[in-house]
Amino acid sequence: MEFVKNIMNDSLVVSSNLFILSTGVSLLMYLFISNLLGIPFSIETAELHPVSWWRSPTADAHVTMTLAIMIIVYTHFIDIRLHGFKHFFLSFFKPFKFLFPINAVEQLATTLTLGLRLFGNIYAGEVLLALLASSVSQGFVVAALATVPMLLWQAFCIFIGAIQAYIFVTLTMVYIAHRLT
């Protein structure tokens, strides 16, 4: 709770809003747990085309893009609720009217980068875990040699999962702060 309050203090003017705090805490917990779900369960089938039995939810682009869209819609909702639809609509034409297309593309790019950053990092970690786990089917010597890199990479994936959850929540608070001003 205090961790998210500190993120809010760094990003927002108003850091005592319980709705925004609950959004940050919920996001941080969900993302941290979701990022870690695929690490201990990297089970691969040993067929011609291996299939991963268990993956992190955030290793799927549909989940991360849905989260990103929800966050952007939430920030727009906050802007409309606080300042009205007219202010929200006119903000796309600031500082100059001819910048409307760039401001519209900015919203799309913000959504894409928020979702794809999380997806790419978690998916890449799980692909490498799957490659290391598939070494079990190559024989005892190869499997024994892959044990230490597998453990090291799992530890690194835990670190990356925590960092990505922190980055997602921090960017969410920054986007909310952008809409509050």
Protein backbone atom coordinates (compact mmCIF):
# COMPACT_ATOMS: atom_id res chain seq x y z
CA MET A 1 0.00 0.00 0.00
CA GLU A 2 2.77 2.43 0.94
CA PHE A 3 4.75 1.41 -2.12
CA VAL A 4 1.91 2.48 -4.44
CA LYS A 5 1.37 5.65 -2.38
CA ASN A 6 5.01 6.54 -3.00
CA ILE A 7 4.52 5.97 -6.72
CA MET A 8 1.44 8.23 -6.55
CA ASN A 9 3.37 10.91 -4.64
CA ASP A 10 6.03 10.94 -7.35
CA SER A 11 3.51 11.12 -10.19
CA LEU A 12 0.31 12.80 -9.04
CA VAL A 13 -0.57 16.15 -7.56
CA VAL A 14 -3.35 14.56 -5.49
CA SER A 15 -2.04 11.41 -3.83
CA SER A 16 -4.91 10.74 -1.43
CA ASN A 17 -7.47 9.54 -3.99
CA LEU A 18 -8.59 6.08 -2.83
CA PHE A 19 -9.91 5.06 -6.26
CA ILE A 20 -6.58 5.70 -7.91
CA LEU A 21 -4.75 4.05 -4.99
CA SER A 22 -6.95 0.95 -5.27
CA THR A 23 -6.31 0.88 -9.02
CA GLY A 24 -2.56 0.99 -8.45
CA VAL A 25 -2.55 -1.66 -5.71
CA SER A 26 -4.82 -3.98 -7.71
CA LEU A 27 -2.72 -3.57 -10.84
CA LEU A 28 0.55 -4.14 -9.00
CA MET A 29 -0.70 -7.31 -7.31
CA TYR A 30 -2.35 -8.70 -10.44
CA LEU A 31 0.63 -8.00 -12.67
CA PHE A 32 3.23 -9.29 -10.23
CA ILE A 33 1.36 -12.55 -9.69
CA SER A 34 0.52 -12.90 -13.39
CA ASN A 35 4.13 -12.32 -14.40
CA LEU A 36 5.31 -15.04 -12.03
CA LEU A 37 2.74 -17.73 -12.83
CA GLY A 38 4.61 -19.14 -15.81
CA ILE A 39 8.02 -19.35 -14.18
CA PRO A 40 7.79 -22.50 -12.05
CA PHE A 41 5.47 -24.31 -14.45
CA SER A 42 7.50 -24.25 -17.65
CA ILE A 43 6.31 -27.65 -18.82
CA GLU A 44 6.85 -28.56 -22.46
CA THR A 45 5.63 -31.58 -24.38
CA ALA A 46 8.40 -33.51 -26.08
CA GLU A 47 6.77 -33.83 -29.46
CA LEU A 48 7.67 -32.63 -32.94
CA HIS A 49 5.84 -29.37 -32.19
CA PRO A 50 6.21 -28.72 -28.45
CA VAL A 51 3.28 -27.19 -26.58
CA SER A 52 3.61 -25.14 -23.42
CA TRP A 53 1.16 -26.36 -20.80
CA TRP A 54 1.24 -23.34 -18.55
CA ARG A 55 2.10 -19.72 -19.31
CA SER A 56 1.82 -16.44 -17.53
CA PRO A 57 -1.33 -14.54 -18.47
CA THR A 58 0.85 -11.56 -19.33
CA ALA A 59 2.78 -13.66 -21.86
CA ASP A 60 -0.31 -13.31 -24.07
CA ALA A 61 -0.67 -10.09 -26.06
CA HIS A 62 -4.46 -10.18 -25.73
CA VAL A 63 -4.25 -9.85 -21.95
CA THR A 64 -1.65 -7.07 -21.91
CA MET A 65 -3.35 -5.07 -24.66
CA THR A 66 -6.69 -5.40 -22.86
CA LEU A 67 -5.07 -4.09 -19.69
CA ALA A 68 -3.52 -1.20 -21.62
CA ILE A 69 -6.84 -0.33 -23.28
CA MET A 70 -8.60 -0.44 -19.90
CA ILE A 71 -6.02 1.91 -18.40
CA ILE A 72 -6.26 4.40 -21.26
CA VAL A 73 -10.07 4.31 -21.14
CA TYR A 74 -9.86 4.82 -17.36
CA THR A 75 -7.63 7.88 -17.80
CA HIS A 76 -10.01 9.32 -20.39
CA PHE A 77 -12.93 8.65 -18.04
CA ILE A 78 -11.14 10.55 -15.26
CA ASP A 79 -10.49 13.47 -17.62
CA ILE A 80 -14.12 13.60 -18.81
CA ARG A 81 -15.48 13.28 -15.29
CA LEU A 82 -13.27 16.02 -13.84
CA HIS A 83 -13.16 18.51 -16.72
CA GLY A 84 -16.10 17.63 -18.95
CA PHE A 85 -16.30 16.25 -22.46
CA LYS A 86 -15.61 19.63 -24.09
CA HIS A 87 -12.25 19.99 -22.33
CA PHE A 88 -11.40 16.38 -23.17
CA PHE A 89 -12.22 16.84 -26.84
CA LEU A 90 -10.42 20.18 -27.12
CA SER A 91 -7.29 18.71 -25.49
CA PHE A 92 -6.65 16.85 -28.74
CA PHE A 93 -6.28 20.22 -30.51
CA LYS A 94 -3.70 21.66 -28.11
CA PRO A 95 -1.29 23.37 -28.42
CA PHE A 96 -2.22 23.91 -32.11
CA LYS A 97 -5.21 22.72 -34.08
CA PHE A 98 -3.15 21.16 -36.85
CA LEU A 99 -1.58 18.79 -34.27
CA PHE A 100 -4.84 16.83 -33.87
CA PRO A 101 -3.61 13.83 -35.92
CA ILE A 102 -0.40 13.64 -33.90
CA ASN A 103 -2.32 13.82 -30.62
CA ALA A 104 -4.68 11.08 -31.81
CA VAL A 105 -1.76 8.86 -32.85
CA GLU A 106 -0.15 9.57 -29.49
CA GLN A 107 -3.11 7.95 -27.74
CA LEU A 108 -2.78 4.88 -29.95
CA ALA A 109 0.98 4.72 -29.44
CA THR A 110 0.59 5.08 -25.67
CA THR A 111 -1.79 2.14 -25.60
CA LEU A 112 0.43 0.01 -27.81
CA THR A 113 3.64 0.69 -25.89
CA LEU A 114 2.01 0.12 -22.51
CA GLY A 115 0.67 -3.29 -23.52
CA LEU A 116 3.42 -4.53 -25.79
CA ARG A 117 6.24 -3.62 -23.40
CA LEU A 118 4.79 -5.91 -20.76
CA PHE A 119 3.98 -8.66 -23.25
CA GLY A 120 7.37 -8.63 -24.94
CA ASN A 121 9.40 -8.87 -21.76
CA ILE A 122 7.37 -11.63 -20.15
CA TYR A 123 6.95 -13.62 -23.38
CA ALA A 124 10.67 -13.48 -24.17
CA GLY A 125 11.50 -14.76 -20.70
CA GLU A 126 9.10 -17.67 -21.06
CA VAL A 127 10.37 -18.57 -24.52
CA LEU A 128 13.88 -18.90 -23.12
CA LEU A 129 12.55 -20.94 -20.19
CA ALA A 130 10.76 -23.21 -22.67
CA LEU A 131 13.96 -23.69 -24.64
CA LEU A 132 15.88 -24.60 -21.51
CA ALA A 133 13.09 -26.91 -20.32
CA SER A 134 13.00 -28.69 -23.67
CA SER A 135 16.62 -29.74 -23.14
CA VAL A 136 15.28 -32.51 -20.88
CA SER A 137 14.29 -34.47 -23.96
CA GLN A 138 17.84 -34.22 -25.39
CA GLY A 139 19.40 -36.58 -22.90
CA PHE A 140 20.75 -36.62 -19.36
CA VAL A 141 24.00 -34.75 -20.02
CA VAL A 142 22.31 -31.86 -21.83
CA ALA A 143 19.59 -31.69 -19.17
CA ALA A 144 22.19 -31.62 -16.40
CA LEU A 145 24.10 -28.83 -18.16
CA ALA A 146 20.89 -26.81 -18.59
CA THR A 147 19.94 -26.97 -14.89
CA VAL A 148 22.06 -24.05 -13.68
CA PRO A 149 21.12 -21.72 -16.57
CA MET A 150 17.46 -22.66 -16.00
CA LEU A 151 17.63 -21.71 -12.31
CA LEU A 152 19.49 -18.49 -13.07
CA TRP A 153 17.01 -17.53 -15.76
CA GLN A 154 14.07 -18.25 -13.44
CA ALA A 155 15.57 -15.90 -10.86
CA PHE A 156 16.06 -13.26 -13.56
CA CYS A 157 12.44 -13.73 -14.70
CA ILE A 158 11.25 -13.04 -11.16
CA PHE A 159 13.24 -9.80 -11.19
CA ILE A 160 11.93 -8.84 -14.64
CA GLY A 161 8.35 -9.65 -13.58
CA ALA A 162 8.62 -7.35 -10.57
CA ILE A 163 10.20 -4.55 -12.62
CA GLN A 164 7.53 -4.82 -15.33
CA ALA A 165 4.72 -4.65 -12.76
CA TYR A 166 6.35 -1.55 -11.25
CA ILE A 167 6.79 0.10 -14.67
CA PHE A 168 3.18 -0.60 -15.69
CA VAL A 169 1.81 0.89 -12.46
CA THR A 170 4.16 3.89 -12.64
CA LEU A 171 3.15 4.64 -16.22
CA THR A 172 -0.51 4.26 -15.25
CA MET A 173 -0.03 6.88 -12.53
CA VAL A 174 1.80 9.17 -14.97
CA TYR A 175 -1.04 8.87 -17.51
CA ILE A 176 -3.60 9.59 -14.78
CA ALA A 177 -1.56 12.62 -13.65
CA HIS A 178 -1.47 13.84 -17.26
CA ARG A 179 -5.27 13.75 -17.36
CA LEU A 180 -5.70 15.39 -13.96
CA THR A 181 -3.87 18.56 -15.04
